[in-house]
Amino acid sequence: MGSDRVDREGLQGRFGFPEPLYLNEHPAHRVWLPSYEIDRTEVTRAQFKEYAFRTGAPLPPAWLADGYALTMEEAAVMDLGLLRRIGAEHFRLDLDTRRASRRELMAAMAADQRRKDRLPVTGVSWAEAQAYCRWRGGRLPTEAEWEKAARGTDGREFPWGDAWDPARLNTGEPDPAQGPPWPGGIAPVGSYPAGASPYGALDMAGNVWEWTADDYAPYPGATFASAGYGQGHKVLRGGGGGVGHYGISYFYRAAARFHAPPETRGEDIGFRCVRPLPARGPGASPGPGEAAAGGPP
């Protein structure tokens, strides 16, 4: 787990980063983990919507802006003029909302919402993400669990290997290798299967950052003191589309660490969940996200 890399390219000075790169990943060390399973993809909007409607949990604020929070039951009884205005201002609809009937509007709105069902849920705080995972019988992954699922046991740089390949992830920036830009810079989960980790986990590099369970703190034996340590921040992993404009691969490495206050509801921050598994007998083969090992010693 972690790394011993240093900034030989001078990226800190070139891009004006406030702290040296890589040093919060030091030292590389081995971590032994009990068996667990991790979500193959980030939690989707559709999954979080079901949870919110069943439990009364708050919806992400951005859903009001892009129409995803509107129910068709509400649309069926809403004033038609108001519905037309909502359709024009909060949805991406391929019709003239000024003249569309209620039936046409509702059909187009429902189709627009279905297109968003597979987007990773974003705009949720650390506590809201943890509450969702608990509802599903799990929790947020620790840093070690997340990194193990992302890079396996061979210490690779990225989920797919050591070589940077922009065709295997969504950086949120225009790049012919990644295909046409995604609306809002975020892709539906699982859109880059070639970027799968050794355990088959998808989107562990790029698309959105992911909350982990851990406080942002130094690793055992570390000598670097980040200004963010001891502030109650939580660790983010994976690299979101919001950092793609730097044009560097640093943020998308499996060992890279970022952090934010737990109350942050970033539009490029999502999450996935883990669940413990019963201990396997001697000689049993590990499944996805399992086994006892960390990064390079």
Protein backbone atom coordinates (compact mmCIF):
# COMPACT_ATOMS: atom_id res chain seq x y z
CA MET A 1 0.00 0.00 0.00
CA GLY A 2 1.20 3.54 -0.72
CA SER A 3 4.33 4.31 -2.72
CA ASP A 4 7.87 5.62 -2.47
CA ARG A 5 7.66 7.80 -5.58
CA VAL A 6 8.96 11.36 -5.70
CA ASP A 7 8.18 14.28 -8.01
CA ARG A 8 11.10 13.99 -10.42
CA GLU A 9 9.16 15.83 -13.14
CA GLY A 10 8.74 19.00 -11.07
CA LEU A 11 4.95 18.87 -11.29
CA GLN A 12 4.43 20.80 -8.07
CA GLY A 13 6.17 23.89 -9.37
CA ARG A 14 4.81 23.56 -12.90
CA PHE A 15 1.17 23.42 -11.82
CA GLY A 16 1.37 25.36 -8.56
CA PHE A 17 0.28 22.62 -6.19
CA PRO A 18 0.46 23.77 -2.54
CA GLU A 19 2.23 20.62 -1.29
CA PRO A 20 4.83 18.24 -2.73
CA LEU A 21 3.33 15.42 -4.76
CA TYR A 22 3.58 11.77 -3.73
CA LEU A 23 4.90 12.39 -0.20
CA ASN A 24 1.57 11.75 1.52
CA GLU A 25 1.74 8.23 0.03
CA HIS A 26 5.01 7.44 1.84
CA PRO A 27 6.15 4.95 2.90
CA ALA A 28 5.08 1.99 0.81
CA HIS A 29 4.05 -0.71 3.25
CA ARG A 30 2.29 -4.05 3.43
CA VAL A 31 -1.22 -4.35 4.87
CA TRP A 32 -3.04 -7.59 5.62
CA LEU A 33 -6.81 -7.51 5.18
CA PRO A 34 -9.62 -9.89 6.13
CA SER A 35 -11.87 -11.07 3.30
CA TYR A 36 -14.35 -8.55 1.91
CA GLU A 37 -16.29 -7.76 -1.24
CA ILE A 38 -16.49 -4.36 -2.87
CA ASP A 39 -19.03 -2.93 -5.29
CA ARG A 40 -18.04 -3.50 -8.91
CA THR A 41 -19.02 0.09 -9.74
CA GLU A 42 -19.72 3.31 -7.93
CA VAL A 43 -23.20 3.57 -6.43
CA THR A 44 -25.58 4.89 -9.09
CA ARG A 45 -28.20 7.59 -8.98
CA ALA A 46 -30.95 4.99 -9.38
CA GLN A 47 -29.67 3.00 -6.41
CA PHE A 48 -29.42 6.07 -4.20
CA LYS A 49 -32.86 7.31 -5.30
CA GLU A 50 -34.44 4.01 -4.23
CA TYR A 51 -32.73 4.31 -0.85
CA ALA A 52 -33.84 7.93 -0.39
CA PHE A 53 -37.46 7.21 -1.30
CA ARG A 54 -37.58 4.20 1.03
CA THR A 55 -35.92 5.86 4.00
CA GLY A 56 -36.70 9.55 3.63
CA ALA A 57 -33.01 10.42 3.31
CA PRO A 58 -32.36 13.77 1.60
CA LEU A 59 -31.76 13.85 -2.14
CA PRO A 60 -28.58 15.41 -3.51
CA PRO A 61 -29.27 19.14 -4.08
CA ALA A 62 -28.13 18.97 -7.71
CA TRP A 63 -31.02 16.65 -8.54
CA LEU A 64 -33.40 19.60 -8.18
CA ALA A 65 -31.42 21.52 -10.77
CA ASP A 66 -31.26 18.75 -13.39
CA GLY A 67 -34.79 17.38 -12.94
CA TYR A 68 -33.82 14.02 -11.48
CA ALA A 69 -35.73 14.65 -8.24
CA LEU A 70 -39.08 15.18 -9.97
CA THR A 71 -41.43 12.21 -9.76
CA MET A 72 -43.90 11.41 -12.50
CA GLU A 73 -46.64 11.42 -9.85
CA GLU A 74 -45.83 15.08 -9.21
CA ALA A 75 -45.66 15.81 -12.92
CA ALA A 76 -49.10 14.26 -13.49
CA VAL A 77 -50.87 16.82 -11.28
CA MET A 78 -48.63 19.85 -11.73
CA ASP A 79 -49.87 22.97 -13.49
CA LEU A 80 -49.06 22.48 -17.18
CA GLY A 81 -47.41 25.87 -17.50
CA LEU A 82 -45.13 25.12 -14.57
CA LEU A 83 -44.35 21.67 -15.98
CA ARG A 84 -43.37 23.20 -19.31
CA ARG A 85 -41.07 25.68 -17.59
CA ILE A 86 -39.44 22.93 -15.53
CA GLY A 87 -38.97 20.89 -18.69
CA ALA A 88 -37.25 23.78 -20.42
CA GLU A 89 -35.06 24.85 -17.49
CA HIS A 90 -34.16 21.61 -15.73
CA PHE A 91 -34.19 18.83 -18.35
CA ARG A 92 -32.46 18.00 -21.63
CA LEU A 93 -35.53 17.46 -23.81
CA ASP A 94 -35.65 17.12 -27.58
CA LEU A 95 -39.03 18.80 -28.04
CA ASP A 96 -40.66 22.23 -27.96
CA THR A 97 -41.64 22.50 -24.31
CA ARG A 98 -43.77 25.59 -25.01
CA ARG A 99 -46.28 23.54 -27.01
CA ALA A 100 -45.79 20.01 -25.70
CA SER A 101 -48.70 18.23 -24.06
CA ARG A 102 -48.46 16.87 -20.54
CA ARG A 103 -48.16 13.35 -21.92
CA GLU A 104 -45.33 14.34 -24.26
CA LEU A 105 -43.51 16.20 -21.51
CA MET A 106 -43.79 13.34 -19.04
CA ALA A 107 -42.57 10.78 -21.57
CA ALA A 108 -39.56 12.93 -22.46
CA MET A 109 -38.79 13.70 -18.82
CA ALA A 110 -38.96 10.02 -17.86
CA ALA A 111 -36.59 9.15 -20.71
CA ASP A 112 -34.15 11.86 -19.59
CA GLN A 113 -34.22 10.51 -16.04
CA ARG A 114 -33.59 6.96 -17.28
CA ARG A 115 -30.47 8.21 -19.08
CA LYS A 116 -29.22 9.50 -15.73
CA ASP A 117 -30.01 6.33 -13.76
CA ARG A 118 -26.57 4.82 -14.48
CA LEU A 119 -24.60 7.91 -13.54
CA PRO A 120 -22.67 7.65 -10.27
CA VAL A 121 -24.45 9.45 -7.47
CA THR A 122 -22.54 12.59 -6.50
CA GLY A 123 -23.18 15.54 -4.24
CA VAL A 124 -23.49 13.42 -1.09
CA SER A 125 -21.52 14.02 2.10
CA TRP A 126 -19.33 11.43 3.77
CA ALA A 127 -22.02 10.73 6.40
CA GLU A 128 -24.72 10.37 3.74
CA ALA A 129 -22.56 7.93 1.80
CA GLN A 130 -21.84 5.92 4.94
CA ALA A 131 -25.56 5.85 5.81
CA TYR A 132 -26.39 4.43 2.39
CA CYS A 133 -23.77 1.70 2.74
CA ARG A 134 -25.09 0.81 6.21
CA TRP A 135 -28.60 0.54 4.78
CA ARG A 136 -27.26 -2.02 2.32
CA GLY A 137 -25.53 -3.97 5.06
CA GLY A 138 -22.04 -2.63 4.39
CA ARG A 139 -19.90 0.44 4.91
CA LEU A 140 -17.46 2.69 3.11
CA PRO A 141 -14.14 1.00 2.29
CA THR A 142 -11.02 1.80 4.24
CA GLU A 143 -8.14 3.25 2.27
CA ALA A 144 -6.42 -0.13 2.32
CA GLU A 145 -9.52 -1.95 1.06
CA TRP A 146 -10.05 0.58 -1.70
CA GLU A 147 -6.42 0.49 -2.83
CA LYS A 148 -6.26 -3.31 -2.73
CA ALA A 149 -9.34 -3.56 -4.94
CA ALA A 150 -7.89 -0.97 -7.33
CA ARG A 151 -4.36 -2.32 -7.83
CA GLY A 152 -4.28 -5.91 -6.59
CA THR A 153 -1.11 -7.20 -4.97
CA ASP A 154 1.57 -6.34 -7.55
CA GLY A 155 1.88 -2.63 -6.75
CA ARG A 156 0.79 -1.46 -10.21
CA GLU A 157 0.33 2.25 -10.85
CA PHE A 158 -3.17 2.08 -12.33
CA PRO A 159 -5.98 -0.47 -12.09
CA TRP A 160 -5.05 -1.89 -15.52
CA GLY A 161 -1.25 -1.83 -15.16
CA ASP A 162 1.72 0.54 -15.00
CA ALA A 163 1.35 2.40 -18.31
CA TRP A 164 -0.86 5.48 -18.50
CA ASP A 165 -3.67 4.97 -21.04
CA PRO A 166 -6.37 7.67 -21.31
CA ALA A 167 -8.60 5.31 -23.30
CA ARG A 168 -9.22 3.28 -20.13
CA LEU A 169 -10.89 5.98 -18.01
CA ASN A 170 -12.89 9.19 -18.03
CA THR A 171 -10.83 12.23 -17.11
CA GLY A 172 -13.68 14.63 -17.81
CA GLU A 173 -11.64 16.44 -20.44
CA PRO A 174 -11.82 16.31 -24.26
CA ASP A 175 -9.65 13.44 -25.42
CA PRO A 176 -10.21 11.47 -28.65
CA ALA A 177 -9.07 8.31 -26.87
CA GLN A 178 -12.02 8.56 -24.47
CA GLY A 179 -14.72 9.13 -27.07
CA PRO A 180 -17.17 12.06 -27.23
CA PRO A 181 -17.39 14.20 -24.08
CA TRP A 182 -19.96 13.10 -21.52
CA PRO A 183 -22.65 15.63 -20.48
CA GLY A 184 -21.41 17.25 -17.30
CA GLY A 185 -18.09 15.42 -17.67
CA ILE A 186 -19.35 12.29 -15.86
CA ALA A 187 -19.88 8.93 -17.57
CA PRO A 188 -22.38 6.18 -16.70
CA VAL A 189 -20.74 3.62 -14.43
CA GLY A 190 -18.91 0.82 -16.23
CA SER A 191 -18.38 2.81 -19.43
CA TYR A 192 -14.65 1.91 -19.54
CA PRO A 193 -14.41 -1.87 -19.04
CA ALA A 194 -10.82 -1.86 -20.33
CA GLY A 195 -9.89 0.03 -17.17
CA ALA A 196 -10.96 -2.79 -14.84
CA SER A 197 -8.79 -3.65 -11.85
CA PRO A 198 -7.32 -7.13 -11.30
CA TYR A 199 -10.50 -7.99 -9.37
CA GLY A 200 -12.89 -6.63 -11.99
CA ALA A 201 -13.73 -3.39 -10.18
CA LEU A 202 -14.57 -0.61 -12.63
CA ASP A 203 -14.01 3.15 -12.66
CA MET A 204 -11.46 3.07 -9.85
CA ALA A 205 -9.49 5.59 -11.89
CA GLY A 206 -11.30 8.67 -13.12
CA ASN A 207 -14.96 9.63 -13.51
CA VAL A 208 -15.53 10.74 -9.89
CA TRP A 209 -13.56 10.79 -6.66
CA GLU A 210 -14.70 8.27 -4.05
CA TRP A 211 -15.15 8.65 -0.31
CA THR A 212 -13.32 6.20 1.94
CA ALA A 213 -13.92 5.50 5.60
CA ASP A 214 -10.58 6.83 6.85
CA ASP A 215 -9.44 10.15 8.25
CA TYR A 216 -6.69 11.85 6.28
CA ALA A 217 -3.62 10.99 8.35
CA PRO A 218 0.02 9.94 7.82
CA TYR A 219 0.85 6.32 7.19
CA PRO A 220 2.86 4.51 9.89
CA GLY A 221 6.49 5.57 9.67
CA ALA A 222 5.81 8.63 7.51
CA THR A 223 8.05 11.69 7.83
CA PHE A 224 6.03 14.11 5.67
CA ALA A 225 3.51 16.30 7.53
CA SER A 226 0.68 17.43 5.26
CA ALA A 227 -1.20 20.56 6.33
CA GLY A 228 -4.39 18.53 5.95
CA TYR A 229 -3.50 16.00 8.64
CA GLY A 230 -5.43 16.36 11.89
CA GLN A 231 -8.19 18.50 10.35
CA GLY A 232 -10.88 15.82 10.45
CA HIS A 233 -10.85 15.46 6.67
CA LYS A 234 -11.73 12.17 4.99
CA VAL A 235 -9.65 10.51 2.29
CA LEU A 236 -10.81 10.56 -1.32
CA ARG A 237 -9.50 8.13 -3.91
CA GLY A 238 -9.67 7.53 -7.64
CA GLY A 239 -9.34 10.95 -9.24
CA GLY A 240 -12.41 12.77 -10.51
CA GLY A 241 -13.04 14.50 -13.80
CA GLY A 242 -12.39 17.84 -12.16
CA VAL A 243 -8.63 17.26 -12.19
CA GLY A 244 -8.40 16.19 -15.83
CA HIS A 245 -7.59 19.73 -16.94
CA TYR A 246 -4.11 19.34 -15.49
CA GLY A 247 -3.40 16.79 -18.19
CA ILE A 248 -1.37 14.58 -15.87
CA SER A 249 -1.90 11.03 -14.65
CA TYR A 250 -0.85 11.66 -11.04
CA PHE A 251 -4.38 11.87 -9.58
CA TYR A 252 -5.57 8.65 -11.23
CA ARG A 253 -2.91 6.40 -9.76
CA ALA A 254 -4.16 3.72 -7.37
CA ALA A 255 -1.94 5.03 -4.55
CA ALA A 256 -2.88 8.71 -4.92
CA ARG A 257 -4.57 10.32 -1.90
CA PHE A 258 -6.78 13.38 -1.79
CA HIS A 259 -8.95 14.69 1.04
CA ALA A 260 -11.95 16.87 1.86
CA PRO A 261 -14.04 17.87 4.89
CA PRO A 262 -16.69 15.18 5.51
CA GLU A 263 -19.55 17.63 4.96
CA THR A 264 -18.40 18.29 1.37
CA ARG A 265 -21.02 17.55 -1.29
CA GLY A 266 -18.87 17.75 -4.39
CA GLU A 267 -20.39 17.17 -7.79
CA ASP A 268 -17.37 15.03 -8.69
CA ILE A 269 -17.40 12.96 -5.46
CA GLY A 270 -19.18 9.60 -5.30
CA PHE A 271 -18.58 6.34 -3.46
CA ARG A 272 -18.89 2.56 -3.41
CA CYS A 273 -19.49 0.14 -0.53
CA VAL A 274 -17.78 -2.91 0.94
CA ARG A 275 -19.08 -5.85 2.95
CA PRO A 276 -17.10 -8.35 5.03
CA LEU A 277 -17.03 -11.97 3.95
CA PRO A 278 -16.68 -15.11 6.08
CA ALA A 279 -13.11 -16.31 6.48
CA ARG A 280 -12.05 -18.82 3.82
CA GLY A 281 -10.37 -22.08 4.57
CA PRO A 282 -6.67 -22.75 3.89
CA GLY A 283 -5.87 -22.87 0.20
CA ALA A 284 -9.12 -21.24 -0.92
CA SER A 285 -8.85 -18.89 -3.87
CA PRO A 286 -9.71 -15.26 -3.15
CA GLY A 287 -12.65 -13.65 -4.90
CA PRO A 288 -13.03 -10.09 -6.15
CA GLY A 289 -11.84 -7.60 -3.57
CA GLU A 290 -10.64 -10.30 -1.21
CA ALA A 291 -7.33 -11.78 -0.02
CA ALA A 292 -4.75 -10.69 2.50
CA ALA A 293 -2.23 -8.35 0.95
CA GLY A 294 -1.53 -4.72 0.27
CA GLY A 295 0.75 -2.85 -2.05
CA PRO A 296 4.48 -3.34 -2.39
CA PRO A 297 6.37 -3.78 0.89
